Amino acid sequence: MGKVEVDHSKYQNIRFDIQDESAIMTDILETIPYEYPGKDVEIEIPTNEFTSVCPWSGLPDFADITISFVPNQNLIEMKSLKYYLTSYRNVGIYQEHATRRILEEVVAAIKPKRMKVKALWNPRGGLGTKVVAEYTA
C-alpha cells in the first residue's frame, strides 16, 4: 500500500474564541460569618470540574483544584465560589496564573488565617502540571 496524502490545511485557521481575564467574576464572591472564631478548623473544598483555556490555542485546560483554608472571621459562600470558578471556563490564562489568581482573590474575599490552592492540571502532550499556591496571614 502506498503513502496516503492528507490535506491538513483545513486546520490552519481554526481558533476558538477566548475571553480575556475581565470575564472572571471576582465580584461574585460572597462570605458568610464563621461562628467559631478562635477555634481553628481546616476546610477543604475540592472540585474536579475546573476548566480554563490555553491562551495560545483556545483548547481547554482541565484541573482538579483543592482549596483548603483555616478561617478567621469568614467562610466562602459555596454558590458564589461555584460561579466564580465557572467564570474561568473560556478565559485564556496560563495554568500557573489561574492557580495563583484563585488564591489571591479568595484570600481577599474571606481573609483567612491561611489558605492553599492546589491544582493538578490534566496532561496535554504527555505533560501534566501540579501548581500549589499558599498564603499565611
Protein backbone atom coordinates (compact mmCIF):
# COMPACT_ATOMS: atom_id res chain seq x y z
CA MET A 1 0.00 0.00 0.00
CA GLY A 2 1.35 3.43 -0.95
CA LYS A 3 1.71 6.52 1.17
CA VAL A 4 -1.59 8.38 1.64
CA GLU A 5 -1.52 12.14 1.17
CA VAL A 6 -3.70 14.03 3.66
CA ASP A 7 -4.60 17.68 3.30
CA HIS A 8 -4.26 19.31 6.74
CA SER A 9 -4.86 22.86 5.52
CA LYS A 10 -8.36 22.85 6.99
CA TYR A 11 -6.79 23.19 10.45
CA GLN A 12 -4.65 26.27 9.69
CA ASN A 13 -7.13 28.99 10.57
CA ILE A 14 -9.02 27.30 13.39
CA ARG A 15 -9.08 29.42 16.51
CA PHE A 16 -11.55 29.04 19.32
CA ASP A 17 -12.99 32.12 20.97
CA ILE A 18 -11.08 33.10 24.08
CA GLN A 19 -12.25 35.56 26.69
CA ASP A 20 -9.78 37.77 28.47
CA GLU A 21 -9.39 37.84 32.25
CA SER A 22 -12.02 40.55 32.61
CA ALA A 23 -14.59 37.73 32.25
CA ILE A 24 -13.57 36.31 35.65
CA MET A 25 -16.38 37.22 38.06
CA THR A 26 -14.33 38.23 41.09
CA ASP A 27 -17.10 40.45 42.44
CA ILE A 28 -19.48 37.49 42.75
CA LEU A 29 -17.54 36.02 45.70
CA GLU A 30 -19.53 36.26 48.93
CA THR A 31 -18.78 35.36 52.51
CA ILE A 32 -20.72 34.04 55.46
CA PRO A 33 -19.63 34.53 59.09
CA TYR A 34 -17.60 31.82 60.77
CA GLU A 35 -19.39 31.27 64.08
CA TYR A 36 -16.38 29.88 65.95
CA PRO A 37 -13.60 32.46 65.66
CA GLY A 38 -10.52 31.43 67.60
CA LYS A 39 -11.39 27.73 67.17
CA ASP A 40 -9.43 26.55 64.18
CA VAL A 41 -10.80 24.11 61.65
CA GLU A 42 -9.34 23.24 58.29
CA ILE A 43 -11.81 23.38 55.44
CA GLU A 44 -11.10 21.62 52.17
CA ILE A 45 -13.09 22.33 49.02
CA PRO A 46 -12.25 20.01 46.11
CA THR A 47 -13.51 20.23 42.56
CA ASN A 48 -12.62 18.15 39.53
CA GLU A 49 -14.62 20.28 37.11
CA PHE A 50 -12.40 23.35 36.72
CA THR A 51 -11.70 24.49 33.19
CA SER A 52 -9.98 27.40 31.55
CA VAL A 53 -8.38 27.57 28.11
CA CYS A 54 -4.90 27.79 26.70
CA PRO A 55 -4.23 31.43 25.78
CA TRP A 56 -2.46 30.32 22.58
CA SER A 57 -4.77 27.71 21.11
CA GLY A 58 -8.07 28.13 22.93
CA LEU A 59 -8.05 24.42 23.71
CA PRO A 60 -9.44 23.51 27.14
CA ASP A 61 -7.29 23.01 30.22
CA PHE A 62 -8.84 20.83 32.91
CA ALA A 63 -7.79 20.72 36.56
CA ASP A 64 -8.63 19.13 39.85
CA ILE A 65 -8.48 22.04 42.26
CA THR A 66 -8.49 21.84 46.04
CA ILE A 67 -8.89 24.98 48.11
CA SER A 68 -8.02 24.40 51.77
CA PHE A 69 -8.05 27.06 54.44
CA VAL A 70 -8.33 27.91 58.11
CA PRO A 71 -10.97 30.62 58.52
CA ASN A 72 -10.58 33.73 60.60
CA GLN A 73 -13.93 35.56 60.65
CA ASN A 74 -15.49 34.42 57.36
CA LEU A 75 -16.23 31.39 55.22
CA ILE A 76 -16.67 31.39 51.47
CA GLU A 77 -20.27 31.05 50.31
CA MET A 78 -20.25 27.93 48.12
CA LYS A 79 -22.64 29.03 45.36
CA SER A 80 -20.63 32.19 44.82
CA LEU A 81 -17.43 30.11 44.64
CA LYS A 82 -19.02 27.81 42.04
CA TYR A 83 -19.99 30.78 39.86
CA TYR A 84 -16.56 32.34 40.33
CA LEU A 85 -14.70 29.18 39.32
CA THR A 86 -17.04 28.57 36.38
CA SER A 87 -16.35 32.07 35.08
CA TYR A 88 -12.83 30.86 34.12
CA ARG A 89 -14.35 28.43 31.60
CA ASN A 90 -13.46 30.35 28.40
CA VAL A 91 -10.70 32.54 29.77
CA GLY A 92 -7.29 32.26 28.15
CA ILE A 93 -4.94 32.06 31.13
CA TYR A 94 -1.79 30.13 31.97
CA GLN A 95 -2.29 27.32 34.46
CA GLU A 96 0.14 28.79 36.98
CA HIS A 97 -1.51 32.20 36.77
CA ALA A 98 -5.01 30.78 37.20
CA THR A 99 -3.93 28.91 40.34
CA ARG A 100 -2.29 31.98 41.86
CA ARG A 101 -5.18 34.25 40.94
CA ILE A 102 -7.71 31.93 42.58
CA LEU A 103 -5.65 32.01 45.78
CA GLU A 104 -5.31 35.79 45.82
CA GLU A 105 -8.96 36.52 45.06
CA VAL A 106 -10.43 34.06 47.54
CA VAL A 107 -7.98 35.28 50.21
CA ALA A 108 -9.07 38.87 49.50
CA ALA A 109 -12.71 37.85 49.92
CA ILE A 110 -12.52 35.87 53.18
CA LYS A 111 -9.22 36.95 54.79
CA PRO A 112 -8.37 33.51 56.24
CA LYS A 113 -5.57 32.65 58.67
CA ARG A 114 -4.03 30.54 55.93
CA MET A 115 -5.01 29.08 52.58
CA LYS A 116 -3.61 26.72 49.99
CA VAL A 117 -4.81 26.23 46.42
CA LYS A 118 -3.57 23.03 44.84
CA ALA A 119 -4.22 22.50 41.13
CA LEU A 120 -3.49 19.25 39.35
CA TRP A 121 -3.76 20.08 35.65
CA ASN A 122 -4.56 17.25 33.24
CA PRO A 123 -1.73 16.25 30.94
CA ARG A 124 -1.62 17.55 27.38
CA GLY A 125 1.08 16.35 25.07
CA GLY A 126 2.25 13.98 27.79
CA LEU A 127 2.95 16.71 30.38
CA GLY A 128 0.81 17.45 33.39
CA THR A 129 1.31 20.28 35.83
CA LYS A 130 0.85 20.49 39.59
CA VAL A 131 0.69 24.04 40.93
CA VAL A 132 0.47 24.90 44.64
CA ALA A 133 -0.03 28.46 45.86
CA GLU A 134 -0.09 29.30 49.57
CA TYR A 135 -0.98 32.21 51.83
CA THR A 136 -0.37 32.75 55.54
CA ALA A 137 -1.65 35.81 57.39
